[in-house]
Amino acid sequence: MSGRGVWLRARARLRRFPALLGGCGEQAAAYGRCVAAASAGSGEVRRDGCLREFRALRECFNRAVRGENGEITGLITGGGPGWCPPR
């Protein structure tokens, strides 16, 4: 497998993001409001302070990127906030 092919596939997936995730505006707004409210007082955001909103947003993203067969296409997967895919 060539490195170029990997990047081409990654770019193709990223180009689909706006259309796929456009239906998650409500969840994104709720998460944004939570983070803004949490950081308004002291200016610090605590870990897992908006976990419920984050999980709702992540689940919306996951539903948006599922293929026709119901499997995640590899765009959004993993654990909770701060999760990074393995290298």
N, C-alpha and C. Protein backbone atom coordinates (compact mmCIF):
# COMPACT_ATOMS: atom_id res chain seq x y z
N MET A 1 0.85 -1.17 0.00
CA MET A 1 0.00 0.00 0.00
C MET A 1 0.90 1.23 0.00
N SER A 2 0.65 2.14 -0.90
CA SER A 2 1.50 3.32 -1.00
C SER A 2 1.04 4.40 -0.03
N GLY A 3 1.98 5.22 0.40
CA GLY A 3 1.64 6.35 1.26
C GLY A 3 0.73 7.34 0.57
N ARG A 4 0.94 7.50 -0.72
CA ARG A 4 0.10 8.42 -1.50
C ARG A 4 -1.36 7.98 -1.49
N GLY A 5 -1.59 6.68 -1.62
CA GLY A 5 -2.97 6.17 -1.61
C GLY A 5 -3.66 6.42 -0.29
N VAL A 6 -2.92 6.30 0.80
CA VAL A 6 -3.49 6.55 2.12
C VAL A 6 -3.94 8.01 2.22
N TRP A 7 -3.08 8.94 1.78
CA TRP A 7 -3.42 10.35 1.86
C TRP A 7 -4.59 10.71 0.95
N LEU A 8 -4.65 10.10 -0.21
CA LEU A 8 -5.76 10.37 -1.11
C LEU A 8 -7.08 9.92 -0.50
N ARG A 9 -7.08 8.74 0.13
CA ARG A 9 -8.30 8.26 0.78
C ARG A 9 -8.67 9.14 1.97
N ALA A 10 -7.68 9.56 2.74
CA ALA A 10 -7.95 10.43 3.89
C ALA A 10 -8.55 11.76 3.42
N ARG A 11 -7.98 12.32 2.37
CA ARG A 11 -8.52 13.58 1.85
C ARG A 11 -9.96 13.42 1.37
N ALA A 12 -10.23 12.31 0.71
CA ALA A 12 -11.58 12.07 0.21
C ALA A 12 -12.57 12.00 1.37
N ARG A 13 -12.18 11.33 2.46
CA ARG A 13 -13.06 11.25 3.63
C ARG A 13 -13.26 12.63 4.25
N LEU A 14 -12.19 13.41 4.35
CA LEU A 14 -12.29 14.73 4.95
C LEU A 14 -13.17 15.66 4.13
N ARG A 15 -13.16 15.52 2.82
CA ARG A 15 -14.02 16.34 1.97
C ARG A 15 -15.50 16.06 2.22
N ARG A 16 -15.80 14.86 2.70
CA ARG A 16 -17.20 14.51 2.96
C ARG A 16 -17.69 15.03 4.30
N PHE A 17 -16.79 15.47 5.17
CA PHE A 17 -17.17 15.89 6.51
C PHE A 17 -18.31 16.91 6.55
N PRO A 18 -18.23 18.03 5.83
CA PRO A 18 -19.30 19.03 5.96
C PRO A 18 -20.69 18.47 5.66
N ALA A 19 -20.78 17.68 4.61
CA ALA A 19 -22.09 17.12 4.25
C ALA A 19 -22.54 16.08 5.28
N LEU A 20 -21.62 15.24 5.72
CA LEU A 20 -21.97 14.18 6.66
C LEU A 20 -22.36 14.73 8.03
N LEU A 21 -21.63 15.73 8.49
CA LEU A 21 -21.81 16.20 9.86
C LEU A 21 -22.75 17.40 9.95
N GLY A 22 -23.29 17.82 8.84
CA GLY A 22 -24.20 18.97 8.83
C GLY A 22 -25.43 18.76 9.69
N GLY A 23 -25.83 17.53 9.90
CA GLY A 23 -27.01 17.25 10.71
C GLY A 23 -26.74 17.22 12.20
N CYS A 24 -25.51 17.52 12.62
CA CYS A 24 -25.16 17.48 14.04
C CYS A 24 -25.06 18.86 14.65
N GLY A 25 -25.65 19.85 14.02
CA GLY A 25 -25.56 21.22 14.50
C GLY A 25 -26.13 21.42 15.90
N GLU A 26 -27.23 20.76 16.18
CA GLU A 26 -27.86 20.90 17.50
C GLU A 26 -26.94 20.37 18.60
N GLN A 27 -26.35 19.21 18.37
CA GLN A 27 -25.44 18.62 19.36
C GLN A 27 -24.17 19.45 19.49
N ALA A 28 -23.65 19.96 18.36
CA ALA A 28 -22.45 20.79 18.40
C ALA A 28 -22.71 22.08 19.16
N ALA A 29 -23.88 22.67 18.95
CA ALA A 29 -24.23 23.90 19.66
C ALA A 29 -24.36 23.65 21.16
N ALA A 30 -24.97 22.52 21.54
CA ALA A 30 -25.12 22.20 22.96
C ALA A 30 -23.75 22.00 23.61
N TYR A 31 -22.85 21.32 22.93
CA TYR A 31 -21.50 21.11 23.45
C TYR A 31 -20.77 22.45 23.57
N GLY A 32 -20.89 23.28 22.56
CA GLY A 32 -20.26 24.60 22.58
C GLY A 32 -20.79 25.46 23.71
N ARG A 33 -22.10 25.44 23.92
CA ARG A 33 -22.69 26.21 25.03
C ARG A 33 -22.17 25.72 26.36
N CYS A 34 -22.06 24.41 26.52
CA CYS A 34 -21.56 23.83 27.76
C CYS A 34 -20.12 24.26 28.03
N VAL A 35 -19.27 24.16 27.02
CA VAL A 35 -17.86 24.55 27.18
C VAL A 35 -17.76 26.04 27.48
N ALA A 36 -18.54 26.85 26.77
CA ALA A 36 -18.51 28.30 27.01
C ALA A 36 -18.97 28.63 28.42
N ALA A 37 -20.02 27.98 28.88
CA ALA A 37 -20.52 28.23 30.23
C ALA A 37 -19.51 27.76 31.28
N ALA A 38 -18.89 26.62 31.03
CA ALA A 38 -17.93 26.07 31.99
C ALA A 38 -16.68 26.94 32.10
N SER A 39 -16.31 27.60 31.01
CA SER A 39 -15.08 28.40 31.03
C SER A 39 -15.35 29.87 31.35
N ALA A 40 -16.61 30.26 31.49
CA ALA A 40 -16.94 31.67 31.70
C ALA A 40 -16.45 32.19 33.04
N GLY A 41 -16.60 31.42 34.10
CA GLY A 41 -16.24 31.91 35.43
C GLY A 41 -14.75 32.00 35.64
N SER A 42 -14.12 30.88 35.82
CA SER A 42 -12.69 30.85 36.14
C SER A 42 -11.82 30.83 34.90
N GLY A 43 -12.40 30.60 33.74
CA GLY A 43 -11.62 30.50 32.52
C GLY A 43 -11.01 29.13 32.31
N GLU A 44 -11.29 28.19 33.20
CA GLU A 44 -10.75 26.84 33.08
C GLU A 44 -11.87 25.86 32.79
N VAL A 45 -11.58 24.92 31.92
CA VAL A 45 -12.54 23.87 31.60
C VAL A 45 -12.05 22.60 32.29
N ARG A 46 -12.93 21.98 33.04
CA ARG A 46 -12.56 20.75 33.75
C ARG A 46 -12.82 19.54 32.87
N ARG A 47 -11.95 18.57 33.01
CA ARG A 47 -12.10 17.33 32.25
C ARG A 47 -13.46 16.70 32.58
N ASP A 48 -14.12 16.23 31.56
CA ASP A 48 -15.43 15.57 31.66
C ASP A 48 -16.53 16.49 32.15
N GLY A 49 -16.29 17.79 32.19
CA GLY A 49 -17.32 18.73 32.61
C GLY A 49 -18.50 18.75 31.65
N CYS A 50 -18.26 18.49 30.40
CA CYS A 50 -19.31 18.49 29.37
C CYS A 50 -19.38 17.12 28.70
N LEU A 51 -19.11 16.08 29.48
CA LEU A 51 -19.03 14.74 28.92
C LEU A 51 -20.34 14.30 28.26
N ARG A 52 -21.47 14.59 28.88
CA ARG A 52 -22.76 14.18 28.31
C ARG A 52 -22.95 14.82 26.92
N GLU A 53 -22.66 16.10 26.83
CA GLU A 53 -22.82 16.81 25.55
C GLU A 53 -21.81 16.30 24.52
N PHE A 54 -20.57 16.03 24.97
CA PHE A 54 -19.55 15.49 24.07
C PHE A 54 -19.98 14.14 23.52
N ARG A 55 -20.48 13.28 24.40
CA ARG A 55 -20.90 11.95 23.95
C ARG A 55 -22.06 12.03 22.96
N ALA A 56 -22.99 12.95 23.20
CA ALA A 56 -24.10 13.12 22.26
C ALA A 56 -23.58 13.58 20.90
N LEU A 57 -22.62 14.50 20.90
CA LEU A 57 -22.04 14.97 19.65
C LEU A 57 -21.27 13.85 18.95
N ARG A 58 -20.47 13.12 19.70
CA ARG A 58 -19.71 12.02 19.13
C ARG A 58 -20.64 10.96 18.53
N GLU A 59 -21.72 10.66 19.23
CA GLU A 59 -22.67 9.67 18.72
C GLU A 59 -23.33 10.16 17.44
N CYS A 60 -23.64 11.44 17.39
CA CYS A 60 -24.21 12.00 16.16
C CYS A 60 -23.20 11.88 15.01
N PHE A 61 -21.94 12.22 15.28
CA PHE A 61 -20.91 12.07 14.27
C PHE A 61 -20.81 10.62 13.81
N ASN A 62 -20.83 9.68 14.76
CA ASN A 62 -20.73 8.26 14.41
C ASN A 62 -21.91 7.83 13.54
N ARG A 63 -23.11 8.25 13.90
CA ARG A 63 -24.28 7.91 13.07
C ARG A 63 -24.15 8.49 11.68
N ALA A 64 -23.59 9.71 11.59
CA ALA A 64 -23.48 10.40 10.30
C ALA A 64 -22.50 9.70 9.38
N VAL A 65 -21.47 9.06 9.91
CA VAL A 65 -20.44 8.49 9.04
C VAL A 65 -20.57 6.99 8.82
N ARG A 66 -21.62 6.40 9.33
CA ARG A 66 -21.81 4.96 9.10
C ARG A 66 -22.12 4.72 7.64
N GLY A 67 -21.60 3.64 7.15
CA GLY A 67 -21.88 3.26 5.77
C GLY A 67 -23.27 2.66 5.67
N GLU A 68 -23.64 2.31 4.48
CA GLU A 68 -24.96 1.73 4.26
C GLU A 68 -25.12 0.42 5.01
N ASN A 69 -24.01 -0.26 5.28
CA ASN A 69 -24.10 -1.54 5.99
C ASN A 69 -24.08 -1.35 7.50
N GLY A 70 -24.05 -0.10 7.98
CA GLY A 70 -24.12 0.15 9.42
C GLY A 70 -22.77 0.17 10.12
N GLU A 71 -21.68 -0.08 9.38
CA GLU A 71 -20.36 -0.07 10.00
C GLU A 71 -19.77 1.32 9.94
N ILE A 72 -18.99 1.65 10.97
CA ILE A 72 -18.29 2.93 10.99
C ILE A 72 -17.27 2.92 9.86
N THR A 73 -17.18 4.03 9.13
CA THR A 73 -16.28 4.09 7.98
C THR A 73 -14.87 4.49 8.37
N GLY A 74 -14.61 4.74 9.64
CA GLY A 74 -13.26 5.08 10.06
C GLY A 74 -13.04 6.56 10.26
N LEU A 75 -14.09 7.38 10.12
CA LEU A 75 -13.92 8.81 10.31
C LEU A 75 -13.87 9.18 11.78
N ILE A 76 -14.79 8.70 12.56
CA ILE A 76 -14.86 9.04 13.98
C ILE A 76 -15.02 7.74 14.75
N THR A 77 -14.05 7.40 15.56
CA THR A 77 -14.13 6.22 16.41
C THR A 77 -13.35 6.49 17.67
N GLY A 78 -13.43 5.62 18.62
CA GLY A 78 -12.56 5.71 19.77
C GLY A 78 -13.26 6.00 21.06
N GLY A 79 -12.49 6.40 22.04
CA GLY A 79 -12.93 6.60 23.40
C GLY A 79 -13.52 7.97 23.62
N GLY A 80 -13.31 8.51 24.79
CA GLY A 80 -13.92 9.77 25.19
C GLY A 80 -13.07 10.97 24.79
N PRO A 81 -13.33 12.09 25.45
CA PRO A 81 -12.59 13.31 25.13
C PRO A 81 -11.09 13.08 25.26
N GLY A 82 -10.37 13.65 24.35
CA GLY A 82 -8.92 13.52 24.38
C GLY A 82 -8.40 12.25 23.74
N TRP A 83 -9.29 11.40 23.24
CA TRP A 83 -8.87 10.14 22.65
C TRP A 83 -8.17 10.42 21.33
N CYS A 84 -7.10 9.74 21.07
CA CYS A 84 -6.37 9.84 19.80
C CYS A 84 -6.21 8.44 19.24
N PRO A 85 -6.34 8.30 17.93
CA PRO A 85 -6.15 6.98 17.34
C PRO A 85 -4.71 6.52 17.49
N PRO A 86 -4.48 5.23 17.58
CA PRO A 86 -3.11 4.74 17.66
C PRO A 86 -2.35 5.06 16.37
N ARG A 87 -1.06 5.24 16.48
CA ARG A 87 -0.23 5.53 15.30
C ARG A 87 0.32 4.27 14.70
